[in-house]
Amino acid sequence: MSSYIEWNLRNFQGYSTPFGFTYNSYLILDEALTLIDTVEHYSFEEFIRRNKSRVEVVERIKEVIRREK
């Protein structure tokens, strides 16, 4: 579906990220649209807002699966 750059993230799961970090997400197009592997909770609304202009199906997503800390 999309990538999202978090410019201020300097450590991701113990790895140094001096230039930020890129999240990649995947949209499964099936009976129930499912979005997998999004961004951290504090960036989620911005992530959805950015993708609404690119993908018309965002409004029809039934499931969101994301990593929780």
PDB file of N, CA and C in Angstrom:
ATOM      1  N   MET A   1       0.820  -1.188   0.000  1.00  0.00           N
ATOM      2  CA  MET A   1       0.000   0.000   0.000  1.00  0.00           C
ATOM      3  C   MET A   1       0.862   1.248   0.000  1.00  0.00           C
ATOM      4  N   SER A   2       1.776   1.345   0.960  1.00  0.00           N
ATOM      5  CA  SER A   2       2.509   2.582   1.070  1.00  0.00           C
ATOM      6  C   SER A   2       3.708   2.431   1.987  1.00  0.00           C
ATOM      7  N   SER A   3       4.560   3.408   1.927  1.00  0.00           N
ATOM      8  CA  SER A   3       5.652   3.537   2.888  1.00  0.00           C
ATOM      9  C   SER A   3       5.436   4.820   3.674  1.00  0.00           C
ATOM     10  N   TYR A   4       5.983   4.872   4.849  1.00  0.00           N
ATOM     11  CA  TYR A   4       5.870   6.045   5.703  1.00  0.00           C
ATOM     12  C   TYR A   4       7.225   6.251   6.360  1.00  0.00           C
ATOM     13  N   ILE A   5       7.783   7.445   6.221  1.00  0.00           N
ATOM     14  CA  ILE A   5       9.091   7.735   6.813  1.00  0.00           C
ATOM     15  C   ILE A   5       8.904   8.466   8.125  1.00  0.00           C
ATOM     16  N   GLU A   6       9.522   7.940   9.154  1.00  0.00           N
ATOM     17  CA  GLU A   6       9.527   8.601  10.457  1.00  0.00           C
ATOM     18  C   GLU A   6      10.938   9.162  10.649  1.00  0.00           C
ATOM     19  N   TRP A   7      11.097  10.435  10.312  1.00  0.00           N
ATOM     20  CA  TRP A   7      12.411  11.073  10.275  1.00  0.00           C
ATOM     21  C   TRP A   7      13.080  11.161  11.640  1.00  0.00           C
ATOM     22  N   ASN A   8      12.326  11.252  12.710  1.00  0.00           N
ATOM     23  CA  ASN A   8      12.901  11.481  14.040  1.00  0.00           C
ATOM     24  C   ASN A   8      13.204  10.212  14.829  1.00  0.00           C
ATOM     25  N   LEU A   9      12.882   9.056  14.315  1.00  0.00           N
ATOM     26  CA  LEU A   9      13.145   7.807  15.030  1.00  0.00           C
ATOM     27  C   LEU A   9      14.633   7.475  14.934  1.00  0.00           C
ATOM     28  N   ARG A  10      15.310   7.391  16.068  1.00  0.00           N
ATOM     29  CA  ARG A  10      16.753   7.158  16.090  1.00  0.00           C
ATOM     30  C   ARG A  10      17.146   5.768  16.571  1.00  0.00           C
ATOM     31  N   ASN A  11      16.160   4.999  17.039  1.00  0.00           N
ATOM     32  CA  ASN A  11      16.421   3.643  17.485  1.00  0.00           C
ATOM     33  C   ASN A  11      15.186   2.810  17.194  1.00  0.00           C
ATOM     34  N   PHE A  12      15.365   1.739  16.437  1.00  0.00           N
ATOM     35  CA  PHE A  12      14.252   0.852  16.133  1.00  0.00           C
ATOM     36  C   PHE A  12      14.639  -0.562  16.529  1.00  0.00           C
ATOM     37  N   GLN A  13      13.992  -1.071  17.534  1.00  0.00           N
ATOM     38  CA  GLN A  13      14.217  -2.427  18.037  1.00  0.00           C
ATOM     39  C   GLN A  13      15.701  -2.708  18.278  1.00  0.00           C
ATOM     40  N   GLY A  14      16.388  -1.717  18.852  1.00  0.00           N
ATOM     41  CA  GLY A  14      17.789  -1.886  19.209  1.00  0.00           C
ATOM     42  C   GLY A  14      18.782  -1.518  18.126  1.00  0.00           C
ATOM     43  N   TYR A  15      18.290  -1.137  16.950  1.00  0.00           N
ATOM     44  CA  TYR A  15      19.176  -0.753  15.853  1.00  0.00           C
ATOM     45  C   TYR A  15      19.212   0.766  15.724  1.00  0.00           C
ATOM     46  N   SER A  16      20.399   1.307  15.513  1.00  0.00           N
ATOM     47  CA  SER A  16      20.562   2.740  15.314  1.00  0.00           C
ATOM     48  C   SER A  16      19.970   3.144  13.966  1.00  0.00           C
ATOM     49  N   THR A  17      19.159   4.194  13.968  1.00  0.00           N
ATOM     50  CA  THR A  17      18.553   4.695  12.734  1.00  0.00           C
ATOM     51  C   THR A  17      18.796   6.207  12.655  1.00  0.00           C
ATOM     52  N   PRO A  18      20.035   6.618  12.372  1.00  0.00           N
ATOM     53  CA  PRO A  18      20.380   8.039  12.406  1.00  0.00           C
ATOM     54  C   PRO A  18      19.653   8.893  11.368  1.00  0.00           C
ATOM     55  N   PHE A  19      19.111   8.280  10.337  1.00  0.00           N
ATOM     56  CA  PHE A  19      18.418   9.029   9.290  1.00  0.00           C
ATOM     57  C   PHE A  19      16.914   8.780   9.287  1.00  0.00           C
ATOM     58  N   GLY A  20      16.397   8.192  10.364  1.00  0.00           N
ATOM     59  CA  GLY A  20      14.983   7.874  10.431  1.00  0.00           C
ATOM     60  C   GLY A  20      14.720   6.424  10.051  1.00  0.00           C
ATOM     61  N   PHE A  21      13.441   6.101   9.876  1.00  0.00           N
ATOM     62  CA  PHE A  21      13.038   4.726   9.640  1.00  0.00           C
ATOM     63  C   PHE A  21      11.854   4.713   8.686  1.00  0.00           C
ATOM     64  N   THR A  22      11.809   3.730   7.810  1.00  0.00           N
ATOM     65  CA  THR A  22      10.697   3.591   6.873  1.00  0.00           C
ATOM     66  C   THR A  22       9.826   2.409   7.264  1.00  0.00           C
ATOM     67  N   TYR A  23       8.530   2.666   7.404  1.00  0.00           N
ATOM     68  CA  TYR A  23       7.554   1.604   7.628  1.00  0.00           C
ATOM     69  C   TYR A  23       6.952   1.243   6.271  1.00  0.00           C
ATOM     70  N   ASN A  24       6.759  -0.027   6.019  1.00  0.00           N
ATOM     71  CA  ASN A  24       6.079  -0.488   4.814  1.00  0.00           C
ATOM     72  C   ASN A  24       4.797  -1.189   5.236  1.00  0.00           C
ATOM     73  N   SER A  25       3.732  -0.960   4.511  1.00  0.00           N
ATOM     74  CA  SER A  25       2.470  -1.606   4.845  1.00  0.00           C
ATOM     75  C   SER A  25       1.941  -2.343   3.625  1.00  0.00           C
ATOM     76  N   TYR A  26       1.035  -3.255   3.893  1.00  0.00           N
ATOM     77  CA  TYR A  26       0.503  -4.120   2.841  1.00  0.00           C
ATOM     78  C   TYR A  26      -1.012  -4.176   2.953  1.00  0.00           C
ATOM     79  N   LEU A  27      -1.679  -4.102   1.831  1.00  0.00           N
ATOM     80  CA  LEU A  27      -3.133  -4.174   1.793  1.00  0.00           C
ATOM     81  C   LEU A  27      -3.524  -5.469   1.108  1.00  0.00           C
ATOM     82  N   ILE A  28      -4.245  -6.331   1.832  1.00  0.00           N
ATOM     83  CA  ILE A  28      -4.727  -7.590   1.273  1.00  0.00           C
ATOM     84  C   ILE A  28      -6.117  -7.337   0.698  1.00  0.00           C
ATOM     85  N   LEU A  29      -6.244  -7.552  -0.603  1.00  0.00           N
ATOM     86  CA  LEU A  29      -7.520  -7.348  -1.291  1.00  0.00           C
ATOM     87  C   LEU A  29      -8.232  -8.687  -1.372  1.00  0.00           C
ATOM     88  N   ASP A  30      -9.162  -8.896  -0.451  1.00  0.00           N
ATOM     89  CA  ASP A  30      -9.926 -10.138  -0.378  1.00  0.00           C
ATOM     90  C   ASP A  30     -11.339  -9.758   0.035  1.00  0.00           C
ATOM     91  N   GLU A  31     -12.130 -10.712   0.489  1.00  0.00           N
ATOM     92  CA  GLU A  31     -13.499 -10.406   0.921  1.00  0.00           C
ATOM     93  C   GLU A  31     -13.505  -9.298   1.969  1.00  0.00           C
ATOM     94  N   ALA A  32     -12.607  -9.410   2.942  1.00  0.00           N
ATOM     95  CA  ALA A  32     -12.438  -8.351   3.935  1.00  0.00           C
ATOM     96  C   ALA A  32     -11.081  -7.710   3.672  1.00  0.00           C
ATOM     97  N   LEU A  33     -11.087  -6.425   3.323  1.00  0.00           N
ATOM     98  CA  LEU A  33      -9.822  -5.738   3.094  1.00  0.00           C
ATOM     99  C   LEU A  33      -9.054  -5.659   4.406  1.00  0.00           C
ATOM    100  N   THR A  34      -7.782  -6.013   4.369  1.00  0.00           N
ATOM    101  CA  THR A  34      -6.981  -6.046   5.587  1.00  0.00           C
ATOM    102  C   THR A  34      -5.688  -5.279   5.360  1.00  0.00           C
ATOM    103  N   LEU A  35      -5.392  -4.355   6.267  1.00  0.00           N
ATOM    104  CA  LEU A  35      -4.176  -3.567   6.233  1.00  0.00           C
ATOM    105  C   LEU A  35      -3.217  -4.143   7.270  1.00  0.00           C
ATOM    106  N   ILE A  36      -1.996  -4.491   6.839  1.00  0.00           N
ATOM    107  CA  ILE A  36      -1.022  -5.141   7.711  1.00  0.00           C
ATOM    108  C   ILE A  36       0.219  -4.272   7.853  1.00  0.00           C
ATOM    109  N   ASP A  37       0.734  -4.242   9.069  1.00  0.00           N
ATOM    110  CA  ASP A  37       2.041  -3.656   9.350  1.00  0.00           C
ATOM    111  C   ASP A  37       2.067  -2.169   9.052  1.00  0.00           C
ATOM    112  N   THR A  38       1.377  -1.408   9.852  1.00  0.00           N
ATOM    113  CA  THR A  38       1.305   0.032   9.631  1.00  0.00           C
ATOM    114  C   THR A  38       2.410   0.739  10.415  1.00  0.00           C
ATOM    115  N   VAL A  39       2.087   1.825  11.057  1.00  0.00           N
ATOM    116  CA  VAL A  39       3.059   2.665  11.758  1.00  0.00           C
ATOM    117  C   VAL A  39       2.785   2.643  13.259  1.00  0.00           C
ATOM    118  N   GLU A  40       3.618   3.330  14.020  1.00  0.00           N
ATOM    119  CA  GLU A  40       3.377   3.454  15.458  1.00  0.00           C
ATOM    120  C   GLU A  40       2.057   4.178  15.703  1.00  0.00           C
ATOM    121  N   HIS A  41       1.460   3.947  16.863  1.00  0.00           N
ATOM    122  CA  HIS A  41       0.137   4.494  17.175  1.00  0.00           C
ATOM    123  C   HIS A  41       0.065   6.012  17.026  1.00  0.00           C
ATOM    124  N   TYR A  42       1.126   6.726  17.369  1.00  0.00           N
ATOM    125  CA  TYR A  42       1.101   8.184  17.313  1.00  0.00           C
ATOM    126  C   TYR A  42       1.167   8.728  15.875  1.00  0.00           C
ATOM    127  N   SER A  43       1.468   7.892  14.895  1.00  0.00           N
ATOM    128  CA  SER A  43       1.523   8.317  13.493  1.00  0.00           C
ATOM    129  C   SER A  43       0.390   7.732  12.654  1.00  0.00           C
ATOM    130  N   PHE A  44      -0.489   6.937  13.260  1.00  0.00           N
ATOM    131  CA  PHE A  44      -1.494   6.195  12.504  1.00  0.00           C
ATOM    132  C   PHE A  44      -2.476   7.102  11.762  1.00  0.00           C
ATOM    133  N   GLU A  45      -2.993   8.135  12.406  1.00  0.00           N
ATOM    134  CA  GLU A  45      -3.963   9.024  11.749  1.00  0.00           C
ATOM    135  C   GLU A  45      -3.333   9.726  10.549  1.00  0.00           C
ATOM    136  N   GLU A  46      -2.099  10.166  10.698  1.00  0.00           N
ATOM    137  CA  GLU A  46      -1.382  10.801   9.585  1.00  0.00           C
ATOM    138  C   GLU A  46      -1.161   9.808   8.451  1.00  0.00           C
ATOM    139  N   PHE A  47      -0.819   8.583   8.780  1.00  0.00           N
ATOM    140  CA  PHE A  47      -0.624   7.522   7.794  1.00  0.00           C
ATOM    141  C   PHE A  47      -1.899   7.302   6.973  1.00  0.00           C
ATOM    142  N   ILE A  48      -3.032   7.187   7.640  1.00  0.00           N
ATOM    143  CA  ILE A  48      -4.310   6.991   6.946  1.00  0.00           C
ATOM    144  C   ILE A  48      -4.650   8.212   6.100  1.00  0.00           C
ATOM    145  N   ARG A  49      -4.458   9.400   6.649  1.00  0.00           N
ATOM    146  CA  ARG A  49      -4.760  10.628   5.900  1.00  0.00           C
ATOM    147  C   ARG A  49      -3.951  10.686   4.606  1.00  0.00           C
ATOM    148  N   ARG A  50      -2.679  10.364   4.655  1.00  0.00           N
ATOM    149  CA  ARG A  50      -1.829  10.390   3.464  1.00  0.00           C
ATOM    150  C   ARG A  50      -2.263   9.365   2.418  1.00  0.00           C
ATOM    151  N   ASN A  51      -2.749   8.237   2.856  1.00  0.00           N
ATOM    152  CA  ASN A  51      -3.107   7.175   1.926  1.00  0.00           C
ATOM    153  C   ASN A  51      -4.507   7.313   1.354  1.00  0.00           C
ATOM    154  N   LYS A  52      -5.363   8.093   1.960  1.00  0.00           N
ATOM    155  CA  LYS A  52      -6.715   8.269   1.420  1.00  0.00           C
ATOM    156  C   LYS A  52      -6.685   8.871   0.025  1.00  0.00           C
ATOM    157  N   SER A  53      -5.716   9.720  -0.238  1.00  0.00           N
ATOM    158  CA  SER A  53      -5.652  10.339  -1.556  1.00  0.00           C
ATOM    159  C   SER A  53      -5.144   9.375  -2.629  1.00  0.00           C
ATOM    160  N   ARG A  54      -4.470   8.307  -2.237  1.00  0.00           N
ATOM    161  CA  ARG A  54      -3.893   7.361  -3.196  1.00  0.00           C
ATOM    162  C   ARG A  54      -4.756   6.145  -3.440  1.00  0.00           C
ATOM    163  N   VAL A  55      -5.459   5.698  -2.427  1.00  0.00           N
ATOM    164  CA  VAL A  55      -6.185   4.436  -2.536  1.00  0.00           C
ATOM    165  C   VAL A  55      -7.634   4.652  -2.107  1.00  0.00           C
ATOM    166  N   GLU A  56      -8.540   4.428  -3.027  1.00  0.00           N
ATOM    167  CA  GLU A  56      -9.959   4.658  -2.744  1.00  0.00           C
ATOM    168  C   GLU A  56     -10.524   3.653  -1.753  1.00  0.00           C
ATOM    169  N   VAL A  57      -9.864   2.508  -1.573  1.00  0.00           N
ATOM    170  CA  VAL A  57     -10.407   1.451  -0.732  1.00  0.00           C
ATOM    171  C   VAL A  57     -10.154   1.666   0.767  1.00  0.00           C
ATOM    172  N   VAL A  58      -9.422   2.702   1.147  1.00  0.00           N
ATOM    173  CA  VAL A  58      -9.105   2.925   2.563  1.00  0.00           C
ATOM    174  C   VAL A  58     -10.368   2.932   3.416  1.00  0.00           C
ATOM    175  N   GLU A  59     -11.421   3.524   2.916  1.00  0.00           N
ATOM    176  CA  GLU A  59     -12.677   3.604   3.669  1.00  0.00           C
ATOM    177  C   GLU A  59     -13.326   2.227   3.869  1.00  0.00           C
ATOM    178  N   ARG A  60     -12.965   1.253   3.046  1.00  0.00           N
ATOM    179  CA  ARG A  60     -13.580  -0.079   3.120  1.00  0.00           C
ATOM    180  C   ARG A  60     -12.741  -1.084   3.906  1.00  0.00           C
ATOM    181  N   ILE A  61     -11.624  -0.665   4.468  1.00  0.00           N
ATOM    182  CA  ILE A  61     -10.766  -1.587   5.219  1.00  0.00           C
ATOM    183  C   ILE A  61     -11.531  -2.116   6.432  1.00  0.00           C
ATOM    184  N   LYS A  62     -11.542  -3.435   6.580  1.00  0.00           N
ATOM    185  CA  LYS A  62     -12.269  -4.077   7.678  1.00  0.00           C
ATOM    186  C   LYS A  62     -11.364  -4.448   8.846  1.00  0.00           C
ATOM    187  N   GLU A  63     -10.109  -4.770   8.569  1.00  0.00           N
ATOM    188  CA  GLU A  63      -9.178  -5.214   9.612  1.00  0.00           C
ATOM    189  C   GLU A  63      -7.868  -4.446   9.492  1.00  0.00           C
ATOM    190  N   VAL A  64      -7.293  -4.105  10.636  1.00  0.00           N
ATOM    191  CA  VAL A  64      -5.965  -3.507  10.673  1.00  0.00           C
ATOM    192  C   VAL A  64      -5.135  -4.346  11.630  1.00  0.00           C
ATOM    193  N   ILE A  65      -4.010  -4.843  11.143  1.00  0.00           N
ATOM    194  CA  ILE A  65      -3.109  -5.645  11.975  1.00  0.00           C
ATOM    195  C   ILE A  65      -1.813  -4.858  12.078  1.00  0.00           C
ATOM    196  N   ARG A  66      -1.449  -4.492  13.308  1.00  0.00           N
ATOM    197  CA  ARG A  66      -0.225  -3.736  13.484  1.00  0.00           C
ATOM    198  C   ARG A  66       0.509  -4.188  14.717  1.00  0.00           C
ATOM    199  N   ARG A  67       1.784  -3.912  14.718  1.00  0.00           N
ATOM    200  CA  ARG A  67       2.645  -4.293  15.830  1.00  0.00           C
ATOM    201  C   ARG A  67       2.349  -3.402  17.028  1.00  0.00           C
ATOM    202  N   GLU A  68       2.233  -4.007  18.168  1.00  0.00           N
ATOM    203  CA  GLU A  68       2.050  -3.267  19.418  1.00  0.00           C
ATOM    204  C   GLU A  68       3.283  -3.459  20.268  1.00  0.00           C
ATOM    205  N   LYS A  69       3.675  -2.441  20.968  1.00  0.00           N
ATOM    206  CA  LYS A  69       4.838  -2.547  21.864  1.00  0.00           C
ATOM    207  C   LYS A  69       4.445  -3.234  23.139  1.00  0.00           C
TER     208      LYS A  69
END
